[in-house]
Amino acid sequence: MLAGWLSGPVAAYDKIGTAGPIRTFGGAHCAKDYVQGECDPPEVDTTLPVKQKAQARVERARGLIAVLRVKQAIKELDTAVAEEPEASSALLLRARLKFLDQPADALRDIESLIALNPSNPDALATRAFMLGGQQDDLALRDATKAVSVKPDDVDALCIRATILVRLGRSDEAEQDFTRALIAEPDNPTALLSRAELRLARGQMSEAERDADEAISVGGDIRARQIRAVARVREGKYVDALSDLNVVLGPVGRKVTTSPISRQFADLLVQRALVLSRIGRPDDAKADLSSIITLGGQRAILQMQLYLRGHGFRDVALDGKASSGLNDDLISCFLNDACGRGLALKI
């Protein structure tokens, strides 16, 4: 009964994934009120044998995740573990769901699962994800063991690749992302992660291609951001402007976000550079004005210091906006070396 409820698009692509963070919450069609439980999957048959019942509860939890009923999914998994303490799939899914809000409980579930089966690749990859950023050497050990057991597991490969990026081992990281994409060519996480890595490594055309693919499979706005930056650095200004306008809104629209995020400011600078290069200095100044208005004195001083260090010796270091500062910034953007550096600096 549960299998029939989950058939169709949800079954065609594993939105849950095997390890680490849940890939996607939601995704199941619900014509009624899912908040009130009107689209919940059917209850589990309590007369089933214990192990079969535990697995049925895991499948129901997956169905609840598909209708954004995460708390109810965790309760279902709590029941599964209470009835069958060694239910590995229930422990794993519960840990993955709890990690963001209850990391200690999540790690406890994973440790219990690894104690039951030290070679469980999904548990090892999930522990690697949990330890990542704090104990990367231990995380890499777990991720490598997981990949050795399941060489084509996309989530384990992406988890290991992310750890390798932090450790500065970018060649190996790119290889893992590529292996993940051979196994699952339309995986948006792998595509975006490899695009970001390639962008950082200066592989602009490759980063642009990955971003193209991510957008084609419904990738998020981050794919357009990556593609825009790659296109700017390749000199594809008109194409870059198209992406930047999608992310930032039309040129000339007043920006009201406050405080301005670093990423948003970076993109405004990229667009100001593009607009300068295609002969629209007034529009470029409008974006610079937004950065100055929202970034305040600190942003102005950053720009003044950069200009002073790159040949603009008469620029004041007073943290004050002026038409002269705007003109100097446009002149900088029109110079390849100065413009690229400024776009990266601000």
C-alpha atoms as a PDB file:
ATOM      1  CA  MET A   1       0.000   0.000   0.000  1.00  0.00           C
ATOM      2  CA  LEU A   2       2.802   2.419   0.902  1.00  0.00           C
ATOM      3  CA  ALA A   3       4.701   1.508  -2.259  1.00  0.00           C
ATOM      4  CA  GLY A   4       1.674   2.444  -4.340  1.00  0.00           C
ATOM      5  CA  TRP A   5       1.335   5.749  -2.474  1.00  0.00           C
ATOM      6  CA  LEU A   6       4.950   6.591  -3.329  1.00  0.00           C
ATOM      7  CA  SER A   7       4.854   5.534  -6.965  1.00  0.00           C
ATOM      8  CA  GLY A   8       5.395   7.941  -9.852  1.00  0.00           C
ATOM      9  CA  PRO A   9       7.741  10.950  -9.771  1.00  0.00           C
ATOM     10  CA  VAL A  10       8.809  10.443  -6.155  1.00  0.00           C
ATOM     11  CA  ALA A  11       9.970   6.888  -6.862  1.00  0.00           C
ATOM     12  CA  ALA A  12      11.736   7.906 -10.074  1.00  0.00           C
ATOM     13  CA  TYR A  13      14.263  10.109  -8.289  1.00  0.00           C
ATOM     14  CA  ASP A  14      15.437   9.529  -4.744  1.00  0.00           C
ATOM     15  CA  LYS A  15      14.692  12.858  -3.113  1.00  0.00           C
ATOM     16  CA  ILE A  16      15.840  11.535   0.263  1.00  0.00           C
ATOM     17  CA  GLY A  17      19.266  10.253  -0.805  1.00  0.00           C
ATOM     18  CA  THR A  18      21.381   7.690   0.976  1.00  0.00           C
ATOM     19  CA  ALA A  19      23.533   9.648   3.428  1.00  0.00           C
ATOM     20  CA  GLY A  20      24.205  13.072   4.896  1.00  0.00           C
ATOM     21  CA  PRO A  21      21.552  15.786   4.652  1.00  0.00           C
ATOM     22  CA  ILE A  22      18.145  15.015   3.217  1.00  0.00           C
ATOM     23  CA  ARG A  23      18.328  16.006  -0.453  1.00  0.00           C
ATOM     24  CA  THR A  24      14.858  17.509  -0.757  1.00  0.00           C
ATOM     25  CA  PHE A  25      11.902  18.000   1.558  1.00  0.00           C
ATOM     26  CA  GLY A  26       8.447  17.906  -0.003  1.00  0.00           C
ATOM     27  CA  GLY A  27       7.778  17.013  -3.605  1.00  0.00           C
ATOM     28  CA  ALA A  28       4.643  14.891  -3.281  1.00  0.00           C
ATOM     29  CA  HIS A  29       1.429  16.226  -4.794  1.00  0.00           C
ATOM     30  CA  CYS A  30      -1.122  17.207  -2.163  1.00  0.00           C
ATOM     31  CA  ALA A  31      -4.491  18.577  -3.265  1.00  0.00           C
ATOM     32  CA  LYS A  32      -5.731  18.869   0.324  1.00  0.00           C
ATOM     33  CA  ASP A  33      -4.299  20.380   3.532  1.00  0.00           C
ATOM     34  CA  TYR A  34      -1.010  18.622   4.224  1.00  0.00           C
ATOM     35  CA  VAL A  35      -0.519  20.686   7.415  1.00  0.00           C
ATOM     36  CA  GLN A  36      -3.565  18.990   8.918  1.00  0.00           C
ATOM     37  CA  GLY A  37      -2.376  15.580   7.785  1.00  0.00           C
ATOM     38  CA  GLU A  38      -4.944  15.152   5.035  1.00  0.00           C
ATOM     39  CA  CYS A  39      -2.232  13.963   2.647  1.00  0.00           C
ATOM     40  CA  ASP A  40      -0.367  11.749   5.083  1.00  0.00           C
ATOM     41  CA  PRO A  41       0.446   8.236   3.851  1.00  0.00           C
ATOM     42  CA  PRO A  42      -1.660   5.439   5.388  1.00  0.00           C
ATOM     43  CA  GLU A  43      -0.897   4.141   8.855  1.00  0.00           C
ATOM     44  CA  VAL A  44       1.337   1.091   9.209  1.00  0.00           C
ATOM     45  CA  ASP A  45      -0.292  -2.285   9.769  1.00  0.00           C
ATOM     46  CA  THR A  46       0.610  -3.057  13.388  1.00  0.00           C
ATOM     47  CA  THR A  47       0.055  -6.803  12.888  1.00  0.00           C
ATOM     48  CA  LEU A  48       3.132  -7.105  10.663  1.00  0.00           C
ATOM     49  CA  PRO A  49       6.204  -8.981  11.961  1.00  0.00           C
ATOM     50  CA  VAL A  50       8.565  -6.689  13.907  1.00  0.00           C
ATOM     51  CA  LYS A  51      11.299  -6.238  11.271  1.00  0.00           C
ATOM     52  CA  GLN A  52       8.795  -5.815   8.445  1.00  0.00           C
ATOM     53  CA  LYS A  53       6.829  -3.328  10.527  1.00  0.00           C
ATOM     54  CA  ALA A  54       9.958  -1.274  11.249  1.00  0.00           C
ATOM     55  CA  GLN A  55      10.724  -1.029   7.530  1.00  0.00           C
ATOM     56  CA  ALA A  56       7.114  -0.072   6.817  1.00  0.00           C
ATOM     57  CA  ARG A  57       7.457   2.748   9.354  1.00  0.00           C
ATOM     58  CA  VAL A  58      10.599   3.962   7.559  1.00  0.00           C
ATOM     59  CA  GLU A  59       8.686   4.022   4.266  1.00  0.00           C
ATOM     60  CA  ARG A  60       5.868   5.930   5.915  1.00  0.00           C
ATOM     61  CA  ALA A  61       8.380   8.408   7.337  1.00  0.00           C
ATOM     62  CA  ARG A  62       9.734   8.946   3.836  1.00  0.00           C
ATOM     63  CA  GLY A  63       6.191   9.627   2.686  1.00  0.00           C
ATOM     64  CA  LEU A  64       5.717  12.139   5.498  1.00  0.00           C
ATOM     65  CA  ILE A  65       8.909  13.946   4.483  1.00  0.00           C
ATOM     66  CA  ALA A  66       7.473  14.182   0.967  1.00  0.00           C
ATOM     67  CA  VAL A  67       4.500  16.155   2.341  1.00  0.00           C
ATOM     68  CA  LEU A  68       6.665  18.295   4.675  1.00  0.00           C
ATOM     69  CA  ARG A  69       5.518  16.562   7.853  1.00  0.00           C
ATOM     70  CA  VAL A  70       8.996  16.225   9.359  1.00  0.00           C
ATOM     71  CA  LYS A  71       8.018  16.109  13.039  1.00  0.00           C
ATOM     72  CA  GLN A  72       5.529  13.374  12.278  1.00  0.00           C
ATOM     73  CA  ALA A  73       8.207  11.509  10.314  1.00  0.00           C
ATOM     74  CA  ILE A  74      10.544  11.605  13.317  1.00  0.00           C
ATOM     75  CA  LYS A  75       7.761  10.312  15.570  1.00  0.00           C
ATOM     76  CA  GLU A  76       7.199   7.427  13.172  1.00  0.00           C
ATOM     77  CA  LEU A  77      10.904   6.607  13.286  1.00  0.00           C
ATOM     78  CA  ASP A  78      10.909   6.884  17.088  1.00  0.00           C
ATOM     79  CA  THR A  79       8.221   4.203  17.149  1.00  0.00           C
ATOM     80  CA  ALA A  80      10.173   2.038  14.719  1.00  0.00           C
ATOM     81  CA  VAL A  81      13.316   2.194  16.876  1.00  0.00           C
ATOM     82  CA  ALA A  82      11.333   1.572  20.069  1.00  0.00           C
ATOM     83  CA  GLU A  83       9.812  -1.545  18.517  1.00  0.00           C
ATOM     84  CA  GLU A  84      13.060  -2.687  16.870  1.00  0.00           C
ATOM     85  CA  PRO A  85      16.168  -1.037  18.448  1.00  0.00           C
ATOM     86  CA  GLU A  86      18.420  -2.486  15.734  1.00  0.00           C
ATOM     87  CA  ALA A  87      16.372  -1.117  12.846  1.00  0.00           C
ATOM     88  CA  SER A  88      19.297   0.324  10.903  1.00  0.00           C
ATOM     89  CA  SER A  89      17.315   2.195   8.249  1.00  0.00           C
ATOM     90  CA  ALA A  90      15.184   3.849  10.954  1.00  0.00           C
ATOM     91  CA  LEU A  91      18.241   4.926  12.961  1.00  0.00           C
ATOM     92  CA  LEU A  92      19.907   6.312   9.842  1.00  0.00           C
ATOM     93  CA  LEU A  93      16.929   8.313   8.620  1.00  0.00           C
ATOM     94  CA  ARG A  94      16.167   9.644  12.094  1.00  0.00           C
ATOM     95  CA  ALA A  95      19.771  10.807  12.488  1.00  0.00           C
ATOM     96  CA  ARG A  96      19.694  12.580   9.139  1.00  0.00           C
ATOM     97  CA  LEU A  97      16.450  14.341  10.038  1.00  0.00           C
ATOM     98  CA  LYS A  98      17.611  15.366  13.514  1.00  0.00           C
ATOM     99  CA  PHE A  99      21.066  16.630  12.626  1.00  0.00           C
ATOM    100  CA  LEU A 100      20.210  20.317  12.080  1.00  0.00           C
ATOM    101  CA  ASP A 101      18.232  20.774  15.302  1.00  0.00           C
ATOM    102  CA  GLN A 102      19.519  17.968  17.517  1.00  0.00           C
ATOM    103  CA  PRO A 103      23.077  17.154  16.397  1.00  0.00           C
ATOM    104  CA  ALA A 104      24.027  15.290  19.593  1.00  0.00           C
ATOM    105  CA  ASP A 105      21.012  12.976  19.289  1.00  0.00           C
ATOM    106  CA  ALA A 106      21.713  12.505  15.593  1.00  0.00           C
ATOM    107  CA  LEU A 107      25.336  11.527  16.214  1.00  0.00           C
ATOM    108  CA  ARG A 108      24.216   9.131  18.935  1.00  0.00           C
ATOM    109  CA  ASP A 109      21.956   7.334  16.442  1.00  0.00           C
ATOM    110  CA  ILE A 110      24.786   7.090  13.925  1.00  0.00           C
ATOM    111  CA  GLU A 111      27.220   5.795  16.536  1.00  0.00           C
ATOM    112  CA  SER A 112      24.666   3.153  17.539  1.00  0.00           C
ATOM    113  CA  LEU A 113      24.275   2.131  13.926  1.00  0.00           C
ATOM    114  CA  ILE A 114      28.037   1.903  13.345  1.00  0.00           C
ATOM    115  CA  ALA A 115      28.370  -0.160  16.536  1.00  0.00           C
ATOM    116  CA  LEU A 116      25.873  -2.606  15.046  1.00  0.00           C
ATOM    117  CA  ASN A 117      27.613  -2.615  11.643  1.00  0.00           C
ATOM    118  CA  PRO A 118      31.039  -0.923  11.468  1.00  0.00           C
ATOM    119  CA  SER A 119      31.052  -1.184   7.663  1.00  0.00           C
ATOM    120  CA  ASN A 120      27.652   0.385   7.006  1.00  0.00           C
ATOM    121  CA  PRO A 121      28.566   2.841   4.205  1.00  0.00           C
ATOM    122  CA  ASP A 122      25.545   5.107   4.647  1.00  0.00           C
ATOM    123  CA  ALA A 123      26.198   5.470   8.372  1.00  0.00           C
ATOM    124  CA  LEU A 124      29.899   6.119   7.778  1.00  0.00           C
ATOM    125  CA  ALA A 125      29.206   8.732   5.108  1.00  0.00           C
ATOM    126  CA  THR A 126      26.639  10.398   7.363  1.00  0.00           C
ATOM    127  CA  ARG A 127      29.080  10.503  10.275  1.00  0.00           C
ATOM    128  CA  ALA A 128      31.649  11.988   7.907  1.00  0.00           C
ATOM    129  CA  PHE A 129      29.153  14.733   7.052  1.00  0.00           C
ATOM    130  CA  MET A 130      28.468  15.346  10.750  1.00  0.00           C
ATOM    131  CA  LEU A 131      32.162  15.559  11.650  1.00  0.00           C
ATOM    132  CA  GLY A 132      33.074  17.659   8.605  1.00  0.00           C
ATOM    133  CA  GLY A 133      34.413  21.119   9.327  1.00  0.00           C
ATOM    134  CA  GLN A 134      35.449  20.181  12.859  1.00  0.00           C
ATOM    135  CA  GLN A 135      37.313  16.887  12.534  1.00  0.00           C
ATOM    136  CA  ASP A 136      38.050  16.673   8.831  1.00  0.00           C
ATOM    137  CA  ASP A 137      40.766  14.026   9.154  1.00  0.00           C
ATOM    138  CA  LEU A 138      38.350  11.661  10.911  1.00  0.00           C
ATOM    139  CA  ALA A 139      35.571  12.657   8.513  1.00  0.00           C
ATOM    140  CA  LEU A 140      37.759  11.847   5.520  1.00  0.00           C
ATOM    141  CA  ARG A 141      38.562   8.447   6.974  1.00  0.00           C
ATOM    142  CA  ASP A 142      34.860   7.616   7.331  1.00  0.00           C
ATOM    143  CA  ALA A 143      33.961   8.969   3.895  1.00  0.00           C
ATOM    144  CA  THR A 144      36.776   7.040   2.236  1.00  0.00           C
ATOM    145  CA  LYS A 145      35.667   3.821   3.892  1.00  0.00           C
ATOM    146  CA  ALA A 146      32.081   4.470   2.782  1.00  0.00           C
ATOM    147  CA  VAL A 147      33.198   5.012  -0.823  1.00  0.00           C
ATOM    148  CA  SER A 148      35.290   1.853  -0.725  1.00  0.00           C
ATOM    149  CA  VAL A 149      32.159  -0.118   0.180  1.00  0.00           C
ATOM    150  CA  LYS A 150      29.837   1.748  -2.242  1.00  0.00           C
ATOM    151  CA  PRO A 151      32.093   3.197  -4.976  1.00  0.00           C
ATOM    152  CA  ASP A 152      29.258   4.761  -6.985  1.00  0.00           C
ATOM    153  CA  ASP A 153      27.229   6.207  -4.121  1.00  0.00           C
ATOM    154  CA  VAL A 154      26.561   9.822  -5.083  1.00  0.00           C
ATOM    155  CA  ASP A 155      25.980  11.180  -1.587  1.00  0.00           C
ATOM    156  CA  ALA A 156      29.100   9.542  -0.155  1.00  0.00           C
ATOM    157  CA  LEU A 157      31.197  10.844  -3.047  1.00  0.00           C
ATOM    158  CA  CYS A 158      29.859  14.384  -2.619  1.00  0.00           C
ATOM    159  CA  ILE A 159      30.472  14.282   1.130  1.00  0.00           C
ATOM    160  CA  ARG A 160      34.056  13.156   0.610  1.00  0.00           C
ATOM    161  CA  ALA A 161      34.617  15.725  -2.137  1.00  0.00           C
ATOM    162  CA  THR A 162      33.418  18.533   0.138  1.00  0.00           C
ATOM    163  CA  ILE A 163      35.857  17.420   2.839  1.00  0.00           C
ATOM    164  CA  LEU A 164      38.675  17.271   0.291  1.00  0.00           C
ATOM    165  CA  VAL A 165      37.892  20.842  -0.805  1.00  0.00           C
ATOM    166  CA  ARG A 166      38.283  22.054   2.782  1.00  0.00           C
ATOM    167  CA  LEU A 167      41.576  20.163   3.055  1.00  0.00           C
ATOM    168  CA  GLY A 168      42.866  21.886  -0.079  1.00  0.00           C
ATOM    169  CA  ARG A 169      42.922  18.692  -2.150  1.00  0.00           C
ATOM    170  CA  SER A 170      40.987  20.135  -5.064  1.00  0.00           C
ATOM    171  CA  ASP A 171      42.141  17.662  -7.741  1.00  0.00           C
ATOM    172  CA  GLU A 172      40.808  14.722  -5.752  1.00  0.00           C
ATOM    173  CA  ALA A 173      37.635  16.633  -4.894  1.00  0.00           C
ATOM    174  CA  GLU A 174      36.921  17.332  -8.550  1.00  0.00           C
ATOM    175  CA  GLN A 175      37.455  13.651  -9.359  1.00  0.00           C
ATOM    176  CA  ASP A 176      34.875  12.666  -6.727  1.00  0.00           C
ATOM    177  CA  PHE A 177      32.316  15.172  -8.005  1.00  0.00           C
ATOM    178  CA  THR A 178      32.911  13.852 -11.527  1.00  0.00           C
ATOM    179  CA  ARG A 179      32.439  10.240 -10.371  1.00  0.00           C
ATOM    180  CA  ALA A 180      29.182  11.294  -8.689  1.00  0.00           C
ATOM    181  CA  LEU A 181      27.968  12.869 -11.930  1.00  0.00           C
ATOM    182  CA  ILE A 182      28.837   9.775 -13.945  1.00  0.00           C
ATOM    183  CA  ALA A 183      26.581   7.831 -11.591  1.00  0.00           C
ATOM    184  CA  GLU A 184      23.848  10.501 -11.531  1.00  0.00           C
ATOM    185  CA  PRO A 185      24.325  13.081 -14.313  1.00  0.00           C
ATOM    186  CA  ASP A 186      21.459  15.340 -13.237  1.00  0.00           C
ATOM    187  CA  ASN A 187      22.356  15.597  -9.546  1.00  0.00           C
ATOM    188  CA  PRO A 188      22.092  19.338  -8.796  1.00  0.00           C
ATOM    189  CA  THR A 189      24.255  19.214  -5.659  1.00  0.00           C
ATOM    190  CA  ALA A 190      27.158  17.598  -7.495  1.00  0.00           C
ATOM    191  CA  LEU A 191      26.782  19.951 -10.456  1.00  0.00           C
ATOM    192  CA  LEU A 192      26.715  23.085  -8.298  1.00  0.00           C
ATOM    193  CA  SER A 193      29.550  21.893  -6.087  1.00  0.00           C
ATOM    194  CA  ARG A 194      31.775  21.063  -9.028  1.00  0.00           C
ATOM    195  CA  ALA A 195      30.890  24.374 -10.679  1.00  0.00           C
ATOM    196  CA  GLU A 196      31.891  26.283  -7.526  1.00  0.00           C
ATOM    197  CA  LEU A 197      35.130  24.332  -7.282  1.00  0.00           C
ATOM    198  CA  ARG A 198      35.963  24.931 -10.937  1.00  0.00           C
ATOM    199  CA  LEU A 199      35.173  28.630 -10.565  1.00  0.00           C
ATOM    200  CA  ALA A 200      37.568  28.853  -7.617  1.00  0.00           C
ATOM    201  CA  ARG A 201      40.227  27.043  -9.670  1.00  0.00           C
ATOM    202  CA  GLY A 202      39.871  29.427 -12.600  1.00  0.00           C
ATOM    203  CA  GLN A 203      38.251  26.856 -14.926  1.00  0.00           C
ATOM    204  CA  MET A 204      35.681  29.295 -16.238  1.00  0.00           C
ATOM    205  CA  SER A 205      34.320  27.464 -19.269  1.00  0.00           C
ATOM    206  CA  GLU A 206      33.991  24.237 -17.258  1.00  0.00           C
ATOM    207  CA  ALA A 207      32.259  26.076 -14.409  1.00  0.00           C
ATOM    208  CA  GLU A 208      29.879  27.681 -16.887  1.00  0.00           C
ATOM    209  CA  ARG A 209      29.006  24.297 -18.396  1.00  0.00           C
ATOM    210  CA  ASP A 210      28.265  22.821 -14.984  1.00  0.00           C
ATOM    211  CA  ALA A 211      26.081  25.810 -14.125  1.00  0.00           C
ATOM    212  CA  ASP A 212      24.269  25.381 -17.465  1.00  0.00           C
ATOM    213  CA  GLU A 213      23.513  21.770 -16.558  1.00  0.00           C
ATOM    214  CA  ALA A 214      22.386  22.694 -13.052  1.00  0.00           C
ATOM    215  CA  ILE A 215      19.971  25.285 -14.450  1.00  0.00           C
ATOM    216  CA  SER A 216      18.628  22.809 -16.997  1.00  0.00           C
ATOM    217  CA  VAL A 217      17.698  20.337 -14.253  1.00  0.00           C
ATOM    218  CA  GLY A 218      16.002  22.996 -12.145  1.00  0.00           C
ATOM    219  CA  GLY A 219      19.035  24.211 -10.222  1.00  0.00           C
ATOM    220  CA  ASP A 220      18.622  27.075  -7.767  1.00  0.00           C
ATOM    221  CA  ILE A 221      19.621  30.709  -8.112  1.00  0.00           C
ATOM    222  CA  ARG A 222      23.170  29.825  -7.053  1.00  0.00           C
ATOM    223  CA  ALA A 223      23.720  28.240 -10.478  1.00  0.00           C
ATOM    224  CA  ARG A 224      22.986  31.565 -12.142  1.00  0.00           C
ATOM    225  CA  GLN A 225      25.323  33.352  -9.752  1.00  0.00           C
ATOM    226  CA  ILE A 226      28.148  30.963 -10.614  1.00  0.00           C
ATOM    227  CA  ARG A 227      27.445  31.221 -14.327  1.00  0.00           C
ATOM    228  CA  ALA A 228      27.319  35.012 -14.181  1.00  0.00           C
ATOM    229  CA  VAL A 229      30.726  35.256 -12.501  1.00  0.00           C
ATOM    230  CA  ALA A 230      32.245  32.757 -14.945  1.00  0.00           C
ATOM    231  CA  ARG A 231      30.850  34.724 -17.874  1.00  0.00           C
ATOM    232  CA  VAL A 232      32.177  38.011 -16.497  1.00  0.00           C
ATOM    233  CA  ARG A 233      35.660  36.550 -16.215  1.00  0.00           C
ATOM    234  CA  GLU A 234      35.394  35.143 -19.744  1.00  0.00           C
ATOM    235  CA  GLY A 235      34.353  38.555 -21.084  1.00  0.00           C
ATOM    236  CA  LYS A 236      30.830  37.378 -22.008  1.00  0.00           C
ATOM    237  CA  TYR A 237      29.326  40.562 -20.609  1.00  0.00           C
ATOM    238  CA  VAL A 238      25.900  40.554 -22.265  1.00  0.00           C
ATOM    239  CA  ASP A 239      25.232  36.958 -21.233  1.00  0.00           C
ATOM    240  CA  ALA A 240      26.514  37.688 -17.727  1.00  0.00           C
ATOM    241  CA  LEU A 241      24.192  40.684 -17.465  1.00  0.00           C
ATOM    242  CA  SER A 242      21.211  38.492 -18.284  1.00  0.00           C
ATOM    243  CA  ASP A 243      22.029  36.176 -15.371  1.00  0.00           C
ATOM    244  CA  LEU A 244      22.791  39.014 -12.988  1.00  0.00           C
ATOM    245  CA  ASN A 245      19.462  40.685 -13.766  1.00  0.00           C
ATOM    246  CA  VAL A 246      17.641  37.459 -12.879  1.00  0.00           C
ATOM    247  CA  VAL A 247      19.443  37.314  -9.540  1.00  0.00           C
ATOM    248  CA  LEU A 248      19.466  41.015  -8.643  1.00  0.00           C
ATOM    249  CA  GLY A 249      16.383  42.312 -10.421  1.00  0.00           C
ATOM    250  CA  PRO A 250      16.309  44.816 -13.304  1.00  0.00           C
ATOM    251  CA  VAL A 251      19.042  47.404 -13.677  1.00  0.00           C
ATOM    252  CA  GLY A 252      18.030  50.619 -11.943  1.00  0.00           C
ATOM    253  CA  ARG A 253      15.739  49.015  -9.383  1.00  0.00           C
ATOM    254  CA  LYS A 254      16.379  50.522  -5.965  1.00  0.00           C
ATOM    255  CA  VAL A 255      17.994  47.985  -3.662  1.00  0.00           C
ATOM    256  CA  THR A 256      16.460  47.994  -0.189  1.00  0.00           C
ATOM    257  CA  THR A 257      18.073  44.905   1.351  1.00  0.00           C
ATOM    258  CA  SER A 258      19.731  45.857   4.627  1.00  0.00           C
ATOM    259  CA  PRO A 259      22.171  44.902   5.922  1.00  0.00           C
ATOM    260  CA  ILE A 260      23.557  43.989   2.525  1.00  0.00           C
ATOM    261  CA  SER A 261      24.981  40.481   2.326  1.00  0.00           C
ATOM    262  CA  ARG A 262      28.534  39.962   1.124  1.00  0.00           C
ATOM    263  CA  GLN A 263      27.314  37.749  -1.716  1.00  0.00           C
ATOM    264  CA  PHE A 264      24.741  40.318  -2.850  1.00  0.00           C
ATOM    265  CA  ALA A 265      27.358  43.080  -2.773  1.00  0.00           C
ATOM    266  CA  ASP A 266      29.738  40.917  -4.814  1.00  0.00           C
ATOM    267  CA  LEU A 267      27.105  40.457  -7.484  1.00  0.00           C
ATOM    268  CA  LEU A 268      26.308  44.183  -7.590  1.00  0.00           C
ATOM    269  CA  VAL A 269      29.991  44.852  -8.161  1.00  0.00           C
ATOM    270  CA  GLN A 270      30.089  42.246 -10.927  1.00  0.00           C
ATOM    271  CA  ARG A 271      27.127  43.937 -12.601  1.00  0.00           C
ATOM    272  CA  ALA A 272      28.687  47.381 -12.227  1.00  0.00           C
ATOM    273  CA  LEU A 273      31.786  46.036 -13.966  1.00  0.00           C
ATOM    274  CA  VAL A 274      29.677  44.538 -16.768  1.00  0.00           C
ATOM    275  CA  LEU A 275      27.672  47.734 -17.249  1.00  0.00           C
ATOM    276  CA  SER A 276      30.882  49.754 -17.392  1.00  0.00           C
ATOM    277  CA  ARG A 277      32.340  47.442 -20.012  1.00  0.00           C
ATOM    278  CA  ILE A 278      29.293  47.609 -22.266  1.00  0.00           C
ATOM    279  CA  GLY A 279      29.099  51.382 -22.196  1.00  0.00           C
ATOM    280  CA  ARG A 280      26.444  52.008 -19.543  1.00  0.00           C
ATOM    281  CA  PRO A 281      28.355  53.977 -16.877  1.00  0.00           C
ATOM    282  CA  ASP A 282      25.277  55.653 -15.408  1.00  0.00           C
ATOM    283  CA  ASP A 283      23.656  52.289 -14.716  1.00  0.00           C
ATOM    284  CA  ALA A 284      26.953  51.057 -13.262  1.00  0.00           C
ATOM    285  CA  LYS A 285      27.000  54.040 -10.915  1.00  0.00           C
ATOM    286  CA  ALA A 286      23.474  53.173  -9.765  1.00  0.00           C
ATOM    287  CA  ASP A 287      24.691  49.739  -8.610  1.00  0.00           C
ATOM    288  CA  LEU A 288      27.740  51.283  -6.962  1.00  0.00           C
ATOM    289  CA  SER A 289      25.418  53.705  -5.197  1.00  0.00           C
ATOM    290  CA  SER A 290      23.423  50.755  -3.837  1.00  0.00           C
ATOM    291  CA  ILE A 291      26.589  49.181  -2.472  1.00  0.00           C
ATOM    292  CA  ILE A 292      27.626  52.460  -0.866  1.00  0.00           C
ATOM    293  CA  THR A 293      24.160  53.125   0.594  1.00  0.00           C
ATOM    294  CA  LEU A 294      23.742  49.658   2.033  1.00  0.00           C
ATOM    295  CA  GLY A 295      27.378  48.869   2.810  1.00  0.00           C
ATOM    296  CA  GLY A 296      28.014  52.158   4.541  1.00  0.00           C
ATOM    297  CA  GLN A 297      31.324  53.758   5.380  1.00  0.00           C
ATOM    298  CA  ARG A 298      33.154  50.429   5.562  1.00  0.00           C
ATOM    299  CA  ALA A 299      32.293  49.582   1.956  1.00  0.00           C
ATOM    300  CA  ILE A 300      33.396  53.038   0.790  1.00  0.00           C
ATOM    301  CA  LEU A 301      36.704  52.750   2.636  1.00  0.00           C
ATOM    302  CA  GLN A 302      37.330  49.316   1.108  1.00  0.00           C
ATOM    303  CA  MET A 303      36.875  50.770  -2.362  1.00  0.00           C
ATOM    304  CA  GLN A 304      38.975  53.848  -1.593  1.00  0.00           C
ATOM    305  CA  LEU A 305      41.832  51.733  -0.207  1.00  0.00           C
ATOM    306  CA  TYR A 306      41.757  49.485  -3.247  1.00  0.00           C
ATOM    307  CA  LEU A 307      41.821  52.408  -5.660  1.00  0.00           C
ATOM    308  CA  ARG A 308      44.627  54.133  -3.724  1.00  0.00           C
ATOM    309  CA  GLY A 309      46.694  50.942  -3.979  1.00  0.00           C
ATOM    310  CA  HIS A 310      46.103  50.585  -7.716  1.00  0.00           C
ATOM    311  CA  GLY A 311      47.233  53.884  -9.175  1.00  0.00           C
ATOM    312  CA  PHE A 312      44.511  56.282  -8.021  1.00  0.00           C
ATOM    313  CA  ARG A 313      46.762  58.257  -5.693  1.00  0.00           C
ATOM    314  CA  ASP A 314      44.409  61.225  -5.259  1.00  0.00           C
ATOM    315  CA  VAL A 315      41.509  59.220  -3.864  1.00  0.00           C
ATOM    316  CA  ALA A 316      40.570  60.422  -0.374  1.00  0.00           C
ATOM    317  CA  LEU A 317      40.473  57.877   2.465  1.00  0.00           C
ATOM    318  CA  ASP A 318      37.537  59.469   4.238  1.00  0.00           C
ATOM    319  CA  GLY A 319      34.761  56.886   3.887  1.00  0.00           C
ATOM    320  CA  LYS A 320      32.562  59.401   2.071  1.00  0.00           C
ATOM    321  CA  ALA A 321      30.675  58.889  -1.186  1.00  0.00           C
ATOM    322  CA  SER A 322      31.264  61.344  -4.009  1.00  0.00           C
ATOM    323  CA  SER A 323      30.790  61.684  -7.751  1.00  0.00           C
ATOM    324  CA  GLY A 324      34.574  61.670  -8.104  1.00  0.00           C
ATOM    325  CA  LEU A 325      34.771  58.296  -6.350  1.00  0.00           C
ATOM    326  CA  ASN A 326      32.153  56.883  -8.709  1.00  0.00           C
ATOM    327  CA  ASP A 327      34.109  58.144 -11.734  1.00  0.00           C
ATOM    328  CA  ASP A 328      37.297  56.570 -10.407  1.00  0.00           C
ATOM    329  CA  LEU A 329      35.515  53.256  -9.852  1.00  0.00           C
ATOM    330  CA  ILE A 330      34.210  53.259 -13.413  1.00  0.00           C
ATOM    331  CA  SER A 331      37.715  53.992 -14.687  1.00  0.00           C
ATOM    332  CA  CYS A 332      39.011  51.077 -12.644  1.00  0.00           C
ATOM    333  CA  PHE A 333      36.370  48.742 -14.082  1.00  0.00           C
ATOM    334  CA  LEU A 334      37.410  49.694 -17.589  1.00  0.00           C
ATOM    335  CA  ASN A 335      40.959  48.528 -16.883  1.00  0.00           C
ATOM    336  CA  ASP A 336      41.315  44.727 -17.006  1.00  0.00           C
ATOM    337  CA  ALA A 337      43.691  44.248 -14.078  1.00  0.00           C
ATOM    338  CA  CYS A 338      42.129  46.896 -11.848  1.00  0.00           C
ATOM    339  CA  GLY A 339      38.556  45.881 -12.659  1.00  0.00           C
ATOM    340  CA  ARG A 340      39.047  42.165 -12.044  1.00  0.00           C
ATOM    341  CA  GLY A 341      40.752  42.836  -8.737  1.00  0.00           C
ATOM    342  CA  LEU A 342      38.096  45.267  -7.583  1.00  0.00           C
ATOM    343  CA  ALA A 343      35.335  42.810  -8.456  1.00  0.00           C
ATOM    344  CA  LEU A 344      37.044  40.215  -6.281  1.00  0.00           C
ATOM    345  CA  LYS A 345      37.968  42.601  -3.468  1.00  0.00           C
ATOM    346  CA  ILE A 346      34.736  44.304  -2.498  1.00  0.00           C
END
